[in-house]
Amino acid sequence: MLHYSESIEECPYPVADFYHQGINLKDRKGYAGLDYSGGGVVAPVEDLLKFMKALVNCELVKQDTLETMKNDKAKFGENFDYVYGIWQLKPIPFLIPEKFVSWGVLGATGAFMFYHPGLNTYLIGCFNDSSYQRKSVRFMMRVLNELFTI
């Protein structure tokens, strides 16, 4: 795999598989470069959670900078607004209720890292399949729906 290095601490887990149109691309030359143009962050979910908590708690940027990052919006398709690397799920009457409004980022591999301010909840995961980018949003909505019933 290109652009791969061993971590300082030995990891007991294998490199995750990644599928596109049913084909596992993990061992194909050039696979690792697939997502580099989009930022290509590859990290354990525990590290992504640390990052999101630090961002939400203004340990990485000042509060006013974070507010600018969330409020200086541009339309990014039907379901999202986009600002400085942050995707914001926006409500759509009859499709996406206001209660699901959250912000974070989606990846090309079905990865997602979002924060829901109303529930103070972080939603982080990866399906390792390019066909799951939209499916990951539906998955997050199902999880949020369950959390609203608690």
C-alpha atoms as a PDB file:
ATOM      1  CA  MET A   1       0.000   0.000   0.000  1.00  0.00           C
ATOM      2  CA  LEU A   2       1.303   3.478  -0.839  1.00  0.00           C
ATOM      3  CA  HIS A   3       1.760   6.148   1.853  1.00  0.00           C
ATOM      4  CA  TYR A   4       1.641   3.553   4.616  1.00  0.00           C
ATOM      5  CA  SER A   5       3.879   3.485   7.650  1.00  0.00           C
ATOM      6  CA  GLU A   6       3.977   1.443  10.812  1.00  0.00           C
ATOM      7  CA  SER A   7       2.654   3.144  13.925  1.00  0.00           C
ATOM      8  CA  ILE A   8       4.842   3.792  16.950  1.00  0.00           C
ATOM      9  CA  GLU A   9       2.697   1.425  19.004  1.00  0.00           C
ATOM     10  CA  GLU A  10       2.091  -2.000  17.517  1.00  0.00           C
ATOM     11  CA  CYS A  11      -1.523  -2.379  16.441  1.00  0.00           C
ATOM     12  CA  PRO A  12      -3.186  -5.753  16.996  1.00  0.00           C
ATOM     13  CA  TYR A  13      -5.605  -5.141  14.103  1.00  0.00           C
ATOM     14  CA  PRO A  14      -5.060  -5.592  10.367  1.00  0.00           C
ATOM     15  CA  VAL A  15      -5.412  -2.728   7.878  1.00  0.00           C
ATOM     16  CA  ALA A  16      -9.121  -2.370   7.112  1.00  0.00           C
ATOM     17  CA  ASP A  17     -10.489  -3.563   3.807  1.00  0.00           C
ATOM     18  CA  PHE A  18     -11.913  -0.942   1.447  1.00  0.00           C
ATOM     19  CA  TYR A  19     -14.432  -1.763  -1.240  1.00  0.00           C
ATOM     20  CA  HIS A  20     -15.490   0.056  -4.392  1.00  0.00           C
ATOM     21  CA  GLN A  21     -18.138  -1.571  -6.585  1.00  0.00           C
ATOM     22  CA  GLY A  22     -17.607  -4.828  -4.717  1.00  0.00           C
ATOM     23  CA  ILE A  23     -13.832  -4.918  -5.298  1.00  0.00           C
ATOM     24  CA  ASN A  24     -11.440  -4.858  -2.335  1.00  0.00           C
ATOM     25  CA  LEU A  25      -8.895  -2.135  -3.127  1.00  0.00           C
ATOM     26  CA  LYS A  26      -6.750  -2.486  -0.001  1.00  0.00           C
ATOM     27  CA  ASP A  27      -3.887  -4.320  -1.699  1.00  0.00           C
ATOM     28  CA  ARG A  28      -4.044  -2.609  -5.089  1.00  0.00           C
ATOM     29  CA  LYS A  29      -1.270  -0.187  -5.947  1.00  0.00           C
ATOM     30  CA  GLY A  30      -2.480   3.378  -5.603  1.00  0.00           C
ATOM     31  CA  TYR A  31      -5.310   2.560  -3.198  1.00  0.00           C
ATOM     32  CA  ALA A  32      -3.875   4.647  -0.373  1.00  0.00           C
ATOM     33  CA  GLY A  33      -3.687   7.680  -2.637  1.00  0.00           C
ATOM     34  CA  LEU A  34      -7.371   7.418  -3.479  1.00  0.00           C
ATOM     35  CA  ASP A  35      -8.527   9.763  -0.741  1.00  0.00           C
ATOM     36  CA  TYR A  36      -5.465  12.010  -0.399  1.00  0.00           C
ATOM     37  CA  SER A  37      -6.905  14.782  -2.558  1.00  0.00           C
ATOM     38  CA  GLY A  38      -9.822  15.001  -0.121  1.00  0.00           C
ATOM     39  CA  GLY A  39      -7.658  15.187   2.975  1.00  0.00           C
ATOM     40  CA  GLY A  40      -7.250  11.450   3.365  1.00  0.00           C
ATOM     41  CA  VAL A  41      -7.376  11.362   7.143  1.00  0.00           C
ATOM     42  CA  VAL A  42      -6.937   7.782   8.271  1.00  0.00           C
ATOM     43  CA  ALA A  43      -7.162   7.366  12.016  1.00  0.00           C
ATOM     44  CA  PRO A  44      -8.719   5.114  14.634  1.00  0.00           C
ATOM     45  CA  VAL A  45     -12.186   6.202  15.764  1.00  0.00           C
ATOM     46  CA  GLU A  46     -10.779   6.908  19.229  1.00  0.00           C
ATOM     47  CA  ASP A  47      -8.473   9.564  17.726  1.00  0.00           C
ATOM     48  CA  LEU A  48     -11.305  11.012  15.647  1.00  0.00           C
ATOM     49  CA  LEU A  49     -13.367  11.321  18.825  1.00  0.00           C
ATOM     50  CA  LYS A  50     -10.487  13.143  20.570  1.00  0.00           C
ATOM     51  CA  PHE A  51     -10.264  15.511  17.600  1.00  0.00           C
ATOM     52  CA  MET A  52     -14.008  16.230  17.508  1.00  0.00           C
ATOM     53  CA  LYS A  53     -14.179  16.798  21.260  1.00  0.00           C
ATOM     54  CA  ALA A  54     -11.247  19.209  21.038  1.00  0.00           C
ATOM     55  CA  LEU A  55     -12.894  21.046  18.128  1.00  0.00           C
ATOM     56  CA  VAL A  56     -16.304  21.261  19.842  1.00  0.00           C
ATOM     57  CA  ASN A  57     -14.693  22.441  23.100  1.00  0.00           C
ATOM     58  CA  CYS A  58     -12.663  25.126  21.278  1.00  0.00           C
ATOM     59  CA  GLU A  59      -9.307  23.592  22.137  1.00  0.00           C
ATOM     60  CA  LEU A  60      -8.190  23.742  18.479  1.00  0.00           C
ATOM     61  CA  VAL A  61      -9.691  27.053  17.394  1.00  0.00           C
ATOM     62  CA  LYS A  62     -11.273  29.989  19.208  1.00  0.00           C
ATOM     63  CA  GLN A  63     -15.049  30.024  19.754  1.00  0.00           C
ATOM     64  CA  ASP A  64     -15.573  32.843  17.230  1.00  0.00           C
ATOM     65  CA  THR A  65     -13.517  30.944  14.636  1.00  0.00           C
ATOM     66  CA  LEU A  66     -15.617  27.817  15.169  1.00  0.00           C
ATOM     67  CA  GLU A  67     -18.807  29.875  14.843  1.00  0.00           C
ATOM     68  CA  THR A  68     -17.518  31.323  11.549  1.00  0.00           C
ATOM     69  CA  MET A  69     -16.670  27.795  10.411  1.00  0.00           C
ATOM     70  CA  LYS A  70     -20.267  26.753  11.085  1.00  0.00           C
ATOM     71  CA  ASN A  71     -22.124  29.878   9.924  1.00  0.00           C
ATOM     72  CA  ASP A  72     -20.447  31.154   6.734  1.00  0.00           C
ATOM     73  CA  LYS A  73     -22.441  28.633   4.674  1.00  0.00           C
ATOM     74  CA  ALA A  74     -22.491  27.578   1.046  1.00  0.00           C
ATOM     75  CA  LYS A  75     -25.069  25.168  -0.382  1.00  0.00           C
ATOM     76  CA  PHE A  76     -23.552  21.722  -0.870  1.00  0.00           C
ATOM     77  CA  GLY A  77     -26.208  19.579  -2.479  1.00  0.00           C
ATOM     78  CA  GLU A  78     -29.725  18.921  -1.227  1.00  0.00           C
ATOM     79  CA  ASN A  79     -28.955  17.757   2.296  1.00  0.00           C
ATOM     80  CA  PHE A  80     -25.876  19.739   3.294  1.00  0.00           C
ATOM     81  CA  ASP A  81     -24.351  23.152   3.675  1.00  0.00           C
ATOM     82  CA  TYR A  82     -20.549  23.315   3.564  1.00  0.00           C
ATOM     83  CA  VAL A  83     -18.237  25.711   5.354  1.00  0.00           C
ATOM     84  CA  TYR A  84     -14.455  25.490   5.796  1.00  0.00           C
ATOM     85  CA  GLY A  85     -14.364  21.691   5.857  1.00  0.00           C
ATOM     86  CA  ILE A  86     -17.542  21.277   7.906  1.00  0.00           C
ATOM     87  CA  TRP A  87     -20.615  19.609   6.447  1.00  0.00           C
ATOM     88  CA  GLN A  88     -23.889  20.625   8.057  1.00  0.00           C
ATOM     89  CA  LEU A  89     -26.901  18.370   7.711  1.00  0.00           C
ATOM     90  CA  LYS A  90     -29.812  20.686   7.025  1.00  0.00           C
ATOM     91  CA  PRO A  91     -33.508  20.089   7.541  1.00  0.00           C
ATOM     92  CA  ILE A  92     -35.717  19.302   4.548  1.00  0.00           C
ATOM     93  CA  PRO A  93     -39.490  19.315   5.162  1.00  0.00           C
ATOM     94  CA  PHE A  94     -40.913  15.768   5.346  1.00  0.00           C
ATOM     95  CA  LEU A  95     -37.476  14.185   4.706  1.00  0.00           C
ATOM     96  CA  ILE A  96     -35.010  15.410   7.325  1.00  0.00           C
ATOM     97  CA  PRO A  97     -36.631  16.803  10.485  1.00  0.00           C
ATOM     98  CA  GLU A  98     -34.961  19.669  12.333  1.00  0.00           C
ATOM     99  CA  LYS A  99     -34.052  17.290  15.173  1.00  0.00           C
ATOM    100  CA  PHE A 100     -31.368  15.653  12.981  1.00  0.00           C
ATOM    101  CA  VAL A 101     -29.408  18.866  12.343  1.00  0.00           C
ATOM    102  CA  SER A 102     -25.752  18.158  13.131  1.00  0.00           C
ATOM    103  CA  TRP A 103     -22.327  18.977  11.726  1.00  0.00           C
ATOM    104  CA  GLY A 104     -19.100  17.179  10.861  1.00  0.00           C
ATOM    105  CA  VAL A 105     -17.693  15.495   7.777  1.00  0.00           C
ATOM    106  CA  LEU A 106     -18.336  12.567   5.439  1.00  0.00           C
ATOM    107  CA  GLY A 107     -15.620  10.606   3.668  1.00  0.00           C
ATOM    108  CA  ALA A 108     -15.512   8.836   0.319  1.00  0.00           C
ATOM    109  CA  THR A 109     -15.164   5.469   2.055  1.00  0.00           C
ATOM    110  CA  GLY A 110     -18.419   5.681   3.985  1.00  0.00           C
ATOM    111  CA  ALA A 111     -16.644   7.325   6.906  1.00  0.00           C
ATOM    112  CA  PHE A 112     -18.476   9.862   9.046  1.00  0.00           C
ATOM    113  CA  MET A 113     -17.621  12.097  11.986  1.00  0.00           C
ATOM    114  CA  PHE A 114     -20.477  14.294  13.206  1.00  0.00           C
ATOM    115  CA  TYR A 115     -21.532  16.151  16.315  1.00  0.00           C
ATOM    116  CA  HIS A 116     -25.167  16.649  17.345  1.00  0.00           C
ATOM    117  CA  PRO A 117     -25.295  19.694  19.659  1.00  0.00           C
ATOM    118  CA  GLY A 118     -28.831  19.054  20.950  1.00  0.00           C
ATOM    119  CA  LEU A 119     -27.878  15.621  22.269  1.00  0.00           C
ATOM    120  CA  ASN A 120     -24.208  16.463  22.907  1.00  0.00           C
ATOM    121  CA  THR A 121     -23.477  13.308  20.912  1.00  0.00           C
ATOM    122  CA  TYR A 122     -20.589  12.351  18.642  1.00  0.00           C
ATOM    123  CA  LEU A 123     -21.315   9.965  15.750  1.00  0.00           C
ATOM    124  CA  ILE A 124     -18.141   8.451  14.309  1.00  0.00           C
ATOM    125  CA  GLY A 125     -17.578   5.391  12.165  1.00  0.00           C
ATOM    126  CA  CYS A 126     -16.619   3.961   8.794  1.00  0.00           C
ATOM    127  CA  PHE A 127     -18.193   1.370   6.504  1.00  0.00           C
ATOM    128  CA  ASN A 128     -15.030   1.072   4.327  1.00  0.00           C
ATOM    129  CA  ASP A 129     -17.116   1.008   1.160  1.00  0.00           C
ATOM    130  CA  SER A 130     -17.516   3.851  -1.328  1.00  0.00           C
ATOM    131  CA  SER A 131     -21.196   3.017  -1.836  1.00  0.00           C
ATOM    132  CA  TYR A 132     -21.919   3.850   1.816  1.00  0.00           C
ATOM    133  CA  GLN A 133     -21.378   7.628   1.753  1.00  0.00           C
ATOM    134  CA  ARG A 134     -25.118   8.333   1.564  1.00  0.00           C
ATOM    135  CA  LYS A 135     -25.976   5.225   3.541  1.00  0.00           C
ATOM    136  CA  SER A 136     -23.832   6.496   6.411  1.00  0.00           C
ATOM    137  CA  VAL A 137     -26.106   9.554   6.706  1.00  0.00           C
ATOM    138  CA  ARG A 138     -29.182   7.330   6.919  1.00  0.00           C
ATOM    139  CA  PHE A 139     -27.368   5.204   9.501  1.00  0.00           C
ATOM    140  CA  MET A 140     -26.608   8.307  11.603  1.00  0.00           C
ATOM    141  CA  MET A 141     -30.278   9.334  11.433  1.00  0.00           C
ATOM    142  CA  ARG A 142     -31.352   5.890  12.668  1.00  0.00           C
ATOM    143  CA  VAL A 143     -28.878   6.135  15.563  1.00  0.00           C
ATOM    144  CA  LEU A 144     -30.078   9.643  16.442  1.00  0.00           C
ATOM    145  CA  ASN A 145     -33.687   8.491  16.265  1.00  0.00           C
ATOM    146  CA  GLU A 146     -32.881   5.755  18.796  1.00  0.00           C
ATOM    147  CA  LEU A 147     -31.131   8.265  21.043  1.00  0.00           C
ATOM    148  CA  PHE A 148     -34.177  10.547  20.979  1.00  0.00           C
ATOM    149  CA  THR A 149     -36.287   7.708  22.414  1.00  0.00           C
ATOM    150  CA  ILE A 150     -34.022   7.239  25.449  1.00  0.00           C
END
